[in-house]
Amino acid sequence: MEMPVPNADILSRKDRIVALLRSVLPADAVISEEAETRAYECDALTAYKCPPLAVVLPASTQEVADVLKLCHAEGVPVVPRGSGTSLAGGALPTADSVILGVARMNEVLDTDYDNRVIRVQTGRTNLSVTGAVEERDFFYAPDPSSQLACAIAGNIAMNSGGAHCLKYGVTTNNLMGVTLVQMDGTIVEIGGAHLDAAGYDLLGLICGSEGQLGVVTEATLRILRKPEGARPVLIGFNSNEVAGACVSDIIKAGILPVAIEFMDAPCIRATEDFAKAGYPDCEALLIVEVEGSPAEIDEQLAVITRIARNHDPVELREAKDADEAARIWLGRKSAFGAMGSINDYMCLDGTIPVSELPYVLRRISEMSKEFGLDVANVFHAGDGNMHPLILFDANKPGDLETCEALGAEILKLCVEVGGCLTGEHGVGIEKRDLMYDQYAAGDLEIQMAVKDVFDPKWLLNPAKVFPLAASQDRRSVALAAE
């Protein structure tokens, strides 16, 4: 993966830049020693690493504004960072950039149960938002697999989802307002604790913009009443294609489960060895969860099990109590860790129409054989958000490049069947050079024109989202205009 050549002038001014940063932040909020900055040299896409020029850890919106204003004046690129759980290289620094981490900004600022909203600093972890309101029987719906660690800032940047997004939507469906700091230090409020905001949908523009337009420091989030109850059913099949067809039939029947999760044989075996969840030995596994009153749950599961039986399942197990429900979910929640314990892997997140699941799963299997790399599948089947895990050996010359080539073909397949390159991980560096496979040149030009408005110098999160050559050209034009 090609990275931009660092700006030699900025590197030569490192001591001055660090001194200026220390003039606006507490001493312990600026990290500049190379041994210490290595902790920030990558995110969860660990195949690519680059120590940054420096790292800053502000504790307030005003401190973020002070840092950005300073870096804007000095022409220093800034990479916003939440918890570093991005799987697409979304927080990968460049050698001439300053990492701006929001981990110290983790406070709950206001909670309004009557209007079902909570306002938090965006360094707060996803799961801890629910933790702040669960005593009152409320919860925050988006639940990425990394929710124990991932920050709200990153969720907003990548428009993250999770297992329960089929019913509750992804981050954009649960985000009501943000405090955004622009690259020049200007602080703006967008949206708020009300159902809709007047004027252009700037909130929709910010959510999913991957740190290209500004740094979100505070967020107003929708919280919901916990459902009366929930119950999962585990369904095993003899093939991926049959499991995919079952998912399609459940959706076509008009049932709206809270989640439909898919795992294939390699993932099932790895998670069973890792978590001992009691999964059957089969080729494909679905976890389908519904919620509501006991009568509603029974009615929905009756329809789902009837559909499943039409596909000749090898096992169909409905949770009888909370302990069994937890065990059914245990393996799915452990899947990424389980795969990581046995192999290096790259996790994709292309999204496809649900009706195309059987075909796409078959083609992925064929591509796996063509490229000579195993692929394990675990994903949110209900909304077609796929997570193929391509297994490779990072110590074997050429394996990473083969892995990337296979990943590119799988993502192109997603686009070909009417889907898109990313469902929740974002573009980052992983998919930036595939953007022309999804968008026409004119479409990308419009997107880059939006960035021109918010970040005219192209200093925010460099080398991400847009094809590298296009973003470097844009940066060169901005420098020439100064």
Protein backbone atom coordinates (compact mmCIF):
# COMPACT_ATOMS: atom_id res chain seq x y z
CA MET A 1 0.00 0.00 0.00
CA GLU A 2 1.60 3.25 -1.14
CA MET A 3 1.96 6.07 1.40
CA PRO A 4 2.63 9.74 0.63
CA VAL A 5 6.14 11.13 0.87
CA PRO A 6 6.38 13.16 4.11
CA ASN A 7 6.88 16.90 3.92
CA ALA A 8 10.59 17.45 4.66
CA ASP A 9 9.97 21.03 5.78
CA ILE A 10 7.54 19.92 8.48
CA LEU A 11 9.93 17.20 9.67
CA SER A 12 12.73 19.77 9.96
CA ARG A 13 10.48 21.95 12.13
CA LYS A 14 9.49 19.17 14.54
CA ASP A 15 11.05 20.78 17.65
CA ARG A 16 9.32 24.10 16.94
CA ILE A 17 5.96 22.43 16.28
CA VAL A 18 6.18 20.35 19.48
CA ALA A 19 7.08 23.47 21.48
CA LEU A 20 4.08 25.31 20.05
CA LEU A 21 1.79 22.38 20.92
CA ARG A 22 3.11 22.43 24.49
CA SER A 23 2.29 26.12 24.67
CA VAL A 24 -1.44 25.40 24.25
CA LEU A 25 -1.72 22.04 26.06
CA PRO A 26 -0.59 20.62 29.41
CA ALA A 27 2.86 19.04 29.28
CA ASP A 28 1.54 15.49 29.64
CA ALA A 29 -0.88 16.00 26.72
CA VAL A 30 1.92 16.17 24.11
CA ILE A 31 3.91 13.05 23.17
CA SER A 32 6.91 13.46 20.87
CA GLU A 33 9.51 10.83 21.73
CA GLU A 34 9.59 8.21 18.95
CA ALA A 35 9.50 5.29 21.39
CA GLU A 36 6.24 6.66 22.84
CA THR A 37 4.62 7.68 19.55
CA ARG A 38 4.97 4.10 18.28
CA ALA A 39 1.88 3.22 20.30
CA TYR A 40 0.00 5.34 17.74
CA GLU A 41 1.76 4.16 14.58
CA CYS A 42 -1.22 2.13 13.36
CA ASP A 43 -4.81 1.20 14.10
CA ALA A 44 -6.37 -2.27 13.90
CA LEU A 45 -5.17 -2.60 10.28
CA THR A 46 -1.74 -3.52 11.64
CA ALA A 47 -0.20 -4.42 8.27
CA TYR A 48 0.72 -0.74 7.84
CA LYS A 49 2.60 1.35 10.37
CA CYS A 50 4.11 4.82 10.50
CA PRO A 51 5.12 6.74 13.64
CA PRO A 52 3.62 10.25 13.63
CA LEU A 53 5.48 13.52 14.13
CA ALA A 54 3.77 13.90 17.52
CA VAL A 55 0.63 12.93 19.46
CA VAL A 56 -1.66 15.30 21.34
CA LEU A 57 -4.34 14.28 23.85
CA PRO A 58 -6.62 17.28 24.49
CA ALA A 59 -9.30 17.14 27.19
CA SER A 60 -11.80 19.68 25.90
CA THR A 61 -13.31 21.15 22.76
CA GLN A 62 -11.38 24.36 23.30
CA GLU A 63 -8.08 22.49 23.53
CA VAL A 64 -8.91 20.69 20.27
CA ALA A 65 -9.66 24.07 18.68
CA ASP A 66 -6.34 25.48 19.92
CA VAL A 67 -4.41 22.53 18.46
CA LEU A 68 -6.15 22.68 15.09
CA LYS A 69 -5.73 26.45 14.81
CA LEU A 70 -2.01 26.08 15.49
CA CYS A 71 -1.55 23.20 13.02
CA HIS A 72 -3.56 25.09 10.40
CA ALA A 73 -1.27 28.09 10.72
CA GLU A 74 1.84 25.88 10.53
CA GLY A 75 0.53 23.73 7.66
CA VAL A 76 0.81 20.54 9.71
CA PRO A 77 -1.50 17.61 8.81
CA VAL A 78 -3.69 16.25 11.63
CA VAL A 79 -5.01 12.69 11.99
CA PRO A 80 -8.01 12.45 14.35
CA ARG A 81 -8.04 9.26 16.43
CA GLY A 82 -10.65 7.67 18.65
CA SER A 83 -9.59 4.35 20.18
CA GLY A 84 -7.64 3.12 17.17
CA THR A 85 -9.96 0.18 16.41
CA SER A 86 -10.39 1.07 12.73
CA LEU A 87 -9.96 -1.96 10.45
CA ALA A 88 -9.42 0.16 7.34
CA GLY A 89 -6.39 2.24 8.33
CA GLY A 90 -8.63 5.20 9.10
CA ALA A 91 -6.30 6.46 11.86
CA LEU A 92 -2.97 5.60 10.22
CA PRO A 93 -0.62 8.58 10.59
CA THR A 94 1.86 9.99 8.14
CA ALA A 95 5.39 10.81 9.29
CA ASP A 96 4.71 14.56 9.08
CA SER A 97 1.34 14.51 10.87
CA VAL A 98 0.12 15.10 14.40
CA ILE A 99 -2.21 12.48 15.88
CA LEU A 100 -5.08 14.14 17.74
CA GLY A 101 -6.50 11.54 20.13
CA VAL A 102 -9.76 12.14 21.97
CA ALA A 103 -9.32 9.38 24.59
CA ARG A 104 -9.23 11.89 27.48
CA MET A 105 -12.54 13.38 26.39
CA ASN A 106 -14.82 10.74 27.89
CA GLU A 107 -17.36 12.54 30.07
CA VAL A 108 -21.17 12.37 30.02
CA LEU A 109 -22.22 16.01 29.63
CA ASP A 110 -26.00 15.75 29.92
CA THR A 111 -28.73 13.10 30.04
CA ASP A 112 -32.38 13.83 29.22
CA TYR A 113 -34.50 10.74 29.78
CA ASP A 114 -37.76 12.53 29.00
CA ASN A 115 -36.54 13.33 25.49
CA ARG A 116 -34.40 10.18 25.24
CA VAL A 117 -31.05 11.83 24.50
CA ILE A 118 -27.59 11.83 26.01
CA ARG A 119 -24.74 14.22 25.23
CA VAL A 120 -21.19 12.88 25.61
CA GLN A 121 -17.64 13.75 24.79
CA THR A 122 -16.65 11.60 21.85
CA GLY A 123 -13.73 9.83 23.48
CA ARG A 124 -16.26 7.86 25.51
CA THR A 125 -16.48 4.21 24.50
CA ASN A 126 -19.55 2.88 22.76
CA LEU A 127 -20.52 0.38 25.46
CA SER A 128 -20.05 2.88 28.26
CA VAL A 129 -22.81 5.05 26.78
CA THR A 130 -25.26 2.25 27.54
CA GLY A 131 -23.51 1.82 30.89
CA ALA A 132 -24.37 5.41 31.78
CA VAL A 133 -28.12 4.91 31.26
CA GLU A 134 -28.87 1.23 31.82
CA GLU A 135 -29.91 1.72 35.45
CA ARG A 136 -32.89 3.61 34.09
CA ASP A 137 -33.61 0.79 31.57
CA PHE A 138 -32.26 2.70 28.57
CA PHE A 139 -29.57 1.74 26.07
CA TYR A 140 -27.62 3.09 23.10
CA ALA A 141 -28.41 0.92 20.09
CA PRO A 142 -25.35 0.80 17.76
CA ASP A 143 -23.18 -2.11 18.94
CA PRO A 144 -20.00 -2.72 16.89
CA SER A 145 -18.11 -5.88 17.84
CA SER A 146 -15.39 -3.60 19.25
CA GLN A 147 -17.93 -1.72 21.39
CA LEU A 148 -16.01 -2.39 24.60
CA ALA A 149 -13.09 -0.34 23.25
CA CYS A 150 -14.21 1.75 20.25
CA ALA A 151 -14.91 5.45 20.77
CA ILE A 152 -18.02 7.38 19.76
CA ALA A 153 -15.70 9.65 17.73
CA GLY A 154 -14.67 6.73 15.52
CA ASN A 155 -18.25 5.42 15.33
CA ILE A 156 -19.32 8.79 13.93
CA ALA A 157 -16.34 9.01 11.59
CA MET A 158 -17.06 5.59 10.06
CA ASN A 159 -20.87 5.52 10.58
CA SER A 160 -20.44 2.23 12.44
CA GLY A 161 -23.18 -0.33 12.91
CA GLY A 162 -23.16 -3.66 14.71
CA ALA A 163 -25.13 -6.85 15.15
CA HIS A 164 -28.39 -5.06 15.97
CA CYS A 165 -28.32 -2.55 13.12
CA LEU A 166 -30.96 -4.47 11.17
CA LYS A 167 -33.65 -3.11 13.49
CA TYR A 168 -32.05 -0.04 15.07
CA GLY A 169 -29.91 1.26 12.24
CA VAL A 170 -26.31 2.42 12.32
CA THR A 171 -24.72 5.49 13.92
CA THR A 172 -26.35 8.00 11.58
CA ASN A 173 -29.79 6.74 12.67
CA ASN A 174 -28.93 7.36 16.32
CA LEU A 175 -26.95 10.62 16.06
CA MET A 176 -28.81 13.85 16.68
CA GLY A 177 -26.14 16.52 16.97
CA VAL A 178 -22.41 17.19 17.15
CA THR A 179 -19.91 19.80 18.17
CA LEU A 180 -17.45 20.00 15.29
CA VAL A 181 -14.08 21.75 15.28
CA GLN A 182 -12.94 22.74 11.81
CA MET A 183 -9.30 22.66 10.74
CA ASP A 184 -8.86 26.40 11.32
CA GLY A 185 -10.10 26.04 14.93
CA THR A 186 -13.66 27.25 14.33
CA ILE A 187 -16.16 25.52 16.63
CA VAL A 188 -19.63 24.85 15.19
CA GLU A 189 -22.77 23.16 16.51
CA ILE A 190 -24.71 20.95 14.08
CA GLY A 191 -28.09 19.47 14.95
CA GLY A 192 -29.00 18.97 18.58
CA ALA A 193 -31.51 17.41 20.98
CA HIS A 194 -34.43 17.65 18.58
CA LEU A 195 -35.80 15.42 15.84
CA ASP A 196 -34.55 17.43 12.87
CA ALA A 197 -32.54 20.54 12.16
CA ALA A 198 -33.38 23.35 9.77
CA GLY A 199 -31.44 23.81 6.55
CA TYR A 200 -29.03 21.43 4.84
CA ASP A 201 -28.43 18.01 6.36
CA LEU A 202 -24.90 18.78 7.52
CA LEU A 203 -25.16 16.12 10.21
CA GLY A 204 -25.62 13.50 7.50
CA LEU A 205 -22.54 14.91 5.77
CA ILE A 206 -20.38 14.73 8.89
CA CYS A 207 -21.41 11.21 9.95
CA GLY A 208 -19.25 8.85 7.91
CA SER A 209 -16.85 11.53 6.67
CA GLU A 210 -13.83 9.74 8.21
CA GLY A 211 -12.22 12.79 9.80
CA GLN A 212 -11.96 14.58 6.46
CA LEU A 213 -14.11 17.57 7.40
CA GLY A 214 -13.44 18.28 11.07
CA VAL A 215 -12.99 16.78 14.52
CA VAL A 216 -16.18 15.84 16.39
CA THR A 217 -15.63 16.49 20.10
CA GLU A 218 -19.16 16.16 21.53
CA ALA A 219 -22.20 14.22 20.35
CA THR A 220 -25.88 14.15 21.16
CA LEU A 221 -27.09 10.56 20.85
CA ARG A 222 -30.51 8.94 20.86
CA ILE A 223 -31.10 6.50 23.72
CA LEU A 224 -33.92 3.97 23.75
CA ARG A 225 -35.96 2.05 26.27
CA LYS A 226 -34.77 -1.49 26.70
CA PRO A 227 -37.15 -4.00 25.09
CA GLU A 228 -39.33 -6.14 27.32
CA GLY A 229 -37.38 -9.19 26.28
CA ALA A 230 -35.19 -10.74 23.58
CA ARG A 231 -34.46 -14.28 22.47
CA PRO A 232 -32.04 -15.71 19.88
CA VAL A 233 -32.33 -18.89 17.86
CA LEU A 234 -29.32 -20.74 16.46
CA ILE A 235 -29.72 -22.43 13.07
CA GLY A 236 -27.10 -24.67 11.45
CA PHE A 237 -26.94 -25.57 7.72
CA ASN A 238 -24.98 -27.83 5.41
CA SER A 239 -23.89 -25.02 3.06
CA ASN A 240 -23.31 -21.28 2.93
CA GLU A 241 -25.67 -20.93 -0.01
CA VAL A 242 -28.57 -22.54 1.87
CA ALA A 243 -27.95 -20.29 4.89
CA GLY A 244 -27.91 -17.26 2.58
CA ALA A 245 -31.18 -18.35 1.00
CA CYS A 246 -32.73 -18.71 4.46
CA VAL A 247 -31.71 -15.14 5.33
CA SER A 248 -33.27 -13.87 2.12
CA ASP A 249 -36.52 -15.73 2.84
CA ILE A 250 -36.73 -14.34 6.40
CA ILE A 251 -36.38 -10.79 5.12
CA LYS A 252 -38.89 -11.38 2.31
CA ALA A 253 -41.42 -12.69 4.86
CA GLY A 254 -41.63 -9.23 6.40
CA ILE A 255 -40.13 -10.27 9.75
CA LEU A 256 -37.78 -7.69 11.29
CA PRO A 257 -35.42 -9.50 13.68
CA VAL A 258 -33.21 -7.33 15.80
CA ALA A 259 -30.23 -9.23 14.37
CA ILE A 260 -29.32 -11.91 11.82
CA GLU A 261 -25.68 -12.98 12.12
CA PHE A 262 -23.85 -15.43 9.84
CA MET A 263 -20.76 -17.58 10.44
CA ASP A 264 -19.24 -20.17 8.09
CA ALA A 265 -17.40 -23.40 8.92
CA PRO A 266 -13.84 -22.01 9.40
CA CYS A 267 -15.17 -19.32 11.71
CA ILE A 268 -17.48 -21.73 13.58
CA ARG A 269 -14.60 -24.10 14.32
CA ALA A 270 -12.23 -21.36 15.38
CA THR A 271 -14.75 -19.71 17.70
CA GLU A 272 -15.79 -23.05 19.19
CA ASP A 273 -12.16 -23.87 20.02
CA PHE A 274 -11.71 -20.36 21.41
CA ALA A 275 -14.96 -19.70 23.29
CA LYS A 276 -16.54 -23.14 23.81
CA ALA A 277 -19.97 -21.75 22.97
CA GLY A 278 -21.47 -25.14 22.09
CA TYR A 279 -21.87 -24.55 18.37
CA PRO A 280 -22.73 -27.50 16.10
CA ASP A 281 -20.27 -28.91 13.55
CA CYS A 282 -21.80 -27.56 10.35
CA GLU A 283 -20.94 -25.52 7.27
CA ALA A 284 -22.91 -22.38 8.11
CA LEU A 285 -24.58 -20.92 11.17
CA LEU A 286 -27.21 -18.23 11.64
CA ILE A 287 -28.01 -16.44 14.88
CA VAL A 288 -31.41 -14.77 14.59
CA GLU A 289 -32.64 -12.67 17.51
CA VAL A 290 -36.07 -11.10 17.99
CA GLU A 291 -37.40 -8.95 20.79
CA GLY A 292 -40.62 -7.66 22.31
CA SER A 293 -43.19 -9.11 24.69
CA PRO A 294 -43.18 -12.89 25.26
CA ALA A 295 -46.15 -13.24 22.89
CA GLU A 296 -44.43 -11.16 20.19
CA ILE A 297 -41.22 -13.16 20.53
CA ASP A 298 -43.07 -16.47 20.26
CA GLU A 299 -44.96 -15.31 17.19
CA GLN A 300 -41.86 -14.06 15.37
CA LEU A 301 -39.76 -17.11 16.20
CA ALA A 302 -42.55 -19.40 15.01
CA VAL A 303 -42.37 -17.80 11.55
CA ILE A 304 -38.57 -17.84 11.52
CA THR A 305 -38.32 -21.50 12.54
CA ARG A 306 -40.92 -22.46 9.94
CA ILE A 307 -38.86 -20.74 7.23
CA ALA A 308 -35.65 -22.33 8.53
CA ARG A 309 -37.15 -25.83 8.48
CA ASN A 310 -37.93 -25.38 4.80
CA HIS A 311 -34.16 -25.24 4.25
CA ASP A 312 -33.46 -28.54 6.07
CA PRO A 313 -31.28 -27.25 8.95
CA VAL A 314 -28.88 -29.62 10.67
CA GLU A 315 -29.64 -27.94 13.99
CA LEU A 316 -32.25 -25.48 15.22
CA ARG A 317 -31.85 -24.37 18.83
CA GLU A 318 -33.95 -21.72 20.52
CA ALA A 319 -32.55 -20.16 23.70
CA LYS A 320 -34.58 -21.25 26.70
CA ASP A 321 -33.08 -18.82 29.21
CA ALA A 322 -30.65 -15.91 29.55
CA ASP A 323 -27.66 -18.22 30.07
CA GLU A 324 -28.30 -20.12 26.84
CA ALA A 325 -28.88 -16.84 24.98
CA ALA A 326 -25.53 -15.55 26.24
CA ARG A 327 -23.79 -18.72 25.06
CA ILE A 328 -25.33 -18.44 21.61
CA TRP A 329 -23.96 -14.90 21.31
CA LEU A 330 -20.61 -15.73 22.95
CA GLY A 331 -19.07 -17.26 19.85
CA ARG A 332 -20.22 -14.48 17.53
CA LYS A 333 -18.87 -11.78 19.82
CA SER A 334 -15.57 -13.70 20.06
CA ALA A 335 -15.22 -14.37 16.33
CA PHE A 336 -12.60 -11.78 15.41
CA GLY A 337 -10.46 -12.59 18.44
CA ALA A 338 -10.78 -16.30 17.74
CA MET A 339 -9.61 -15.92 14.14
CA GLY A 340 -6.75 -13.69 15.22
CA SER A 341 -5.52 -16.38 17.61
CA ILE A 342 -4.87 -18.79 14.72
CA ASN A 343 -3.89 -16.57 11.77
CA ASP A 344 -3.12 -13.13 10.46
CA TYR A 345 -6.18 -11.86 8.63
CA MET A 346 -7.63 -8.90 6.82
CA CYS A 347 -11.27 -8.11 7.57
CA LEU A 348 -13.40 -6.63 4.77
CA ASP A 349 -16.85 -5.04 5.05
CA GLY A 350 -18.44 -4.83 1.63
CA THR A 351 -22.23 -4.62 1.59
CA ILE A 352 -24.56 -6.38 -0.84
CA PRO A 353 -28.30 -6.80 -1.46
CA VAL A 354 -29.52 -9.63 0.79
CA SER A 355 -30.93 -11.48 -2.22
CA GLU A 356 -27.38 -11.81 -3.61
CA LEU A 357 -25.99 -13.60 -0.54
CA PRO A 358 -26.02 -17.15 -2.01
CA TYR A 359 -24.25 -16.04 -5.20
CA VAL A 360 -21.67 -13.85 -3.48
CA LEU A 361 -20.81 -16.52 -0.90
CA ARG A 362 -20.28 -19.04 -3.73
CA ARG A 363 -18.04 -16.61 -5.65
CA ILE A 364 -15.98 -15.83 -2.54
CA SER A 365 -15.37 -19.55 -2.10
CA GLU A 366 -14.26 -19.82 -5.74
CA MET A 367 -12.00 -16.76 -5.43
CA SER A 368 -10.44 -18.21 -2.27
CA LYS A 369 -9.33 -21.26 -4.24
CA GLU A 370 -8.11 -19.11 -7.16
CA PHE A 371 -5.86 -16.99 -4.92
CA GLY A 372 -4.79 -19.85 -2.62
CA LEU A 373 -5.87 -18.12 0.60
CA ASP A 374 -8.58 -19.31 2.98
CA VAL A 375 -11.51 -17.00 3.68
CA ALA A 376 -13.72 -17.19 6.77
CA ASN A 377 -17.07 -15.40 6.71
CA VAL A 378 -18.77 -13.76 9.67
CA PHE A 379 -21.15 -10.88 9.10
CA HIS A 380 -24.42 -9.03 9.65
CA ALA A 381 -26.49 -11.04 7.22
CA GLY A 382 -29.75 -9.18 7.77
CA ASP A 383 -28.55 -6.01 6.05
CA GLY A 384 -25.99 -7.66 3.76
CA ASN A 385 -22.97 -6.17 5.55
CA MET A 386 -20.34 -8.84 4.88
CA HIS A 387 -17.10 -9.39 6.83
CA PRO A 388 -14.95 -11.86 4.88
CA LEU A 389 -11.76 -12.58 6.85
CA ILE A 390 -8.91 -13.33 4.45
CA LEU A 391 -6.30 -15.48 6.21
CA PHE A 392 -2.63 -14.95 5.34
CA ASP A 393 0.86 -15.24 6.80
CA ALA A 394 2.38 -11.82 7.46
CA ASN A 395 5.84 -13.41 7.61
CA LYS A 396 5.54 -15.05 4.20
CA PRO A 397 6.82 -12.85 1.33
CA GLY A 398 4.04 -11.93 -1.07
CA ASP A 399 1.19 -13.18 1.13
CA LEU A 400 0.03 -9.69 2.14
CA GLU A 401 -0.02 -8.53 -1.46
CA THR A 402 -2.01 -11.63 -2.49
CA CYS A 403 -4.40 -10.97 0.38
CA GLU A 404 -4.93 -7.39 -0.77
CA ALA A 405 -5.51 -8.49 -4.36
CA LEU A 406 -8.13 -11.03 -3.25
CA GLY A 407 -9.75 -8.42 -1.01
CA ALA A 408 -10.00 -5.99 -3.90
CA GLU A 409 -11.71 -8.60 -6.06
CA ILE A 410 -14.22 -9.42 -3.32
CA LEU A 411 -15.07 -5.74 -2.85
CA LYS A 412 -15.42 -5.25 -6.60
CA LEU A 413 -17.83 -8.20 -6.59
CA CYS A 414 -19.91 -6.45 -3.92
CA VAL A 415 -20.18 -3.37 -6.15
CA GLU A 416 -20.99 -5.47 -9.24
CA VAL A 417 -24.04 -7.06 -7.59
CA GLY A 418 -25.43 -3.67 -6.54
CA GLY A 419 -23.70 -3.19 -3.20
CA CYS A 420 -20.90 -0.92 -2.01
CA LEU A 421 -17.30 -1.00 -0.82
CA THR A 422 -17.96 -0.44 2.88
CA GLY A 423 -20.80 -0.88 5.32
CA GLU A 424 -19.24 0.36 8.57
CA HIS A 425 -15.43 0.14 8.59
CA GLY A 426 -14.96 3.06 6.24
CA VAL A 427 -12.65 3.55 3.26
CA GLY A 428 -9.48 4.63 5.08
CA ILE A 429 -6.41 3.58 3.15
CA GLU A 430 -7.72 0.05 2.54
CA LYS A 431 -10.27 0.93 -0.15
CA ARG A 432 -9.22 4.39 -1.31
CA ASP A 433 -7.87 3.18 -4.66
CA LEU A 434 -11.06 1.18 -5.28
CA MET A 435 -13.22 4.29 -5.12
CA TYR A 436 -13.23 4.58 -8.93
CA ASP A 437 -14.84 1.12 -9.02
CA GLN A 438 -17.78 2.52 -7.06
CA TYR A 439 -17.92 6.13 -8.26
CA ALA A 440 -17.54 7.92 -11.57
CA ALA A 441 -14.79 10.54 -11.73
CA GLY A 442 -17.40 13.31 -11.56
CA ASP A 443 -18.92 11.85 -8.39
CA LEU A 444 -15.54 11.79 -6.66
CA GLU A 445 -14.86 15.32 -7.84
CA ILE A 446 -18.00 16.50 -6.05
CA GLN A 447 -16.94 14.72 -2.85
CA MET A 448 -13.50 16.31 -3.00
CA ALA A 449 -15.10 19.71 -3.63
CA VAL A 450 -16.96 19.30 -0.32
CA LYS A 451 -13.64 18.71 1.43
CA ASP A 452 -12.28 21.83 -0.27
CA VAL A 453 -14.94 23.84 1.57
CA PHE A 454 -14.33 22.37 5.03
CA ASP A 455 -10.56 21.82 4.77
CA PRO A 456 -9.14 24.02 1.97
CA LYS A 457 -5.52 23.13 2.79
CA TRP A 458 -6.27 19.39 2.80
CA LEU A 459 -4.63 18.94 6.20
CA LEU A 460 -7.19 16.66 7.88
CA ASN A 461 -6.56 12.90 7.85
CA PRO A 462 -4.26 12.85 4.79
CA ALA A 463 -4.02 9.96 2.33
CA LYS A 464 -7.42 8.51 3.26
CA VAL A 465 -10.74 7.95 1.45
CA PHE A 466 -9.82 9.41 -1.94
CA PRO A 467 -7.42 7.75 -4.42
CA LEU A 468 -3.93 8.75 -3.31
CA ALA A 469 -2.95 10.46 -6.56
CA ALA A 470 -6.14 12.54 -6.54
CA SER A 471 -5.72 13.70 -2.94
CA GLN A 472 -2.04 14.52 -3.48
CA ASP A 473 -2.94 16.61 -6.53
CA ARG A 474 -5.56 18.43 -4.45
CA ARG A 475 -3.02 19.11 -1.69
CA SER A 476 -0.50 20.43 -4.25
CA VAL A 477 -3.07 22.84 -5.66
CA ALA A 478 -3.87 24.07 -2.14
CA LEU A 479 -0.17 24.65 -1.38
CA ALA A 480 0.36 26.50 -4.64
CA ALA A 481 -2.54 28.82 -3.81
CA GLU A 482 -1.04 29.90 -0.46
